[in-house]
Amino acid sequence: MFQALQQRAADAGIPLRKPPPEPTTCCGRGCNGCVWEGFLDAAEYWRQEALLQLQG
């Protein structure tokens, strides 16, 4: 998803901020408030922001 939107933006000459980095501290226990939950929220926010910029 990140690469596809970044490529579309580059082709259109639209600068996007960097997408959120993937977490590296997950313990794999399915914790409430897992770092992956925060990452997915940030990734969706980034996607929505990128789509708005691409729409002009």
Protein backbone atom coordinates (compact mmCIF):
# COMPACT_ATOMS: atom_id res chain seq x y z
CA MET A 1 0.00 0.00 0.00
CA PHE A 2 2.72 2.47 0.96
CA GLN A 3 4.74 1.85 -2.20
CA ALA A 4 1.73 2.09 -4.49
CA LEU A 5 0.60 5.42 -3.08
CA GLN A 6 4.14 6.78 -2.99
CA GLN A 7 4.58 5.83 -6.65
CA ARG A 8 1.29 7.49 -7.64
CA ALA A 9 2.34 10.63 -5.77
CA ALA A 10 5.80 10.63 -7.34
CA ASP A 11 4.28 10.25 -10.80
CA ALA A 12 2.02 13.23 -10.07
CA GLY A 13 4.84 15.28 -8.54
CA ILE A 14 3.16 15.38 -5.13
CA PRO A 15 5.42 15.09 -2.08
CA LEU A 16 4.16 12.83 0.69
CA ARG A 17 5.50 12.52 4.19
CA LYS A 18 7.17 9.23 5.05
CA PRO A 19 4.82 6.42 6.07
CA PRO A 20 4.99 5.20 9.66
CA PRO A 21 7.71 2.64 10.36
CA GLU A 22 6.72 -0.90 11.25
CA PRO A 23 7.08 -1.66 14.95
CA THR A 24 10.06 -3.67 16.11
CA THR A 25 9.07 -4.27 19.72
CA CYS A 26 6.07 -6.62 19.49
CA CYS A 27 6.25 -9.44 22.01
CA GLY A 28 3.75 -11.61 20.12
CA ARG A 29 1.42 -12.14 23.09
CA GLY A 30 -1.59 -10.25 21.68
CA CYS A 31 -1.44 -7.51 24.28
CA ASN A 32 -4.25 -5.02 24.64
CA GLY A 33 -2.83 -1.89 23.03
CA CYS A 34 -0.32 -3.84 20.96
CA VAL A 35 2.23 -1.79 19.03
CA TRP A 36 0.69 -3.21 15.83
CA GLU A 37 -2.65 -1.59 16.69
CA GLY A 38 -0.94 1.79 16.88
CA PHE A 39 0.91 1.10 13.64
CA LEU A 40 -2.29 0.15 11.81
CA ASP A 41 -4.01 3.31 13.05
CA ALA A 42 -1.05 5.42 11.91
CA ALA A 43 -0.92 3.59 8.56
CA GLU A 44 -4.60 4.23 7.92
CA TYR A 45 -4.20 7.91 8.81
CA TRP A 46 -1.23 8.13 6.40
CA ARG A 47 -3.25 6.41 3.66
CA GLN A 48 -6.21 8.75 4.07
CA GLU A 49 -3.92 11.79 4.06
CA ALA A 50 -2.11 10.55 0.93
CA LEU A 51 -5.39 9.90 -0.87
CA LEU A 52 -6.62 13.41 -0.07
CA GLN A 53 -3.42 14.90 -1.45
CA LEU A 54 -3.68 12.78 -4.60
CA GLN A 55 -7.25 13.93 -5.17
CA GLY A 56 -6.04 17.52 -5.21
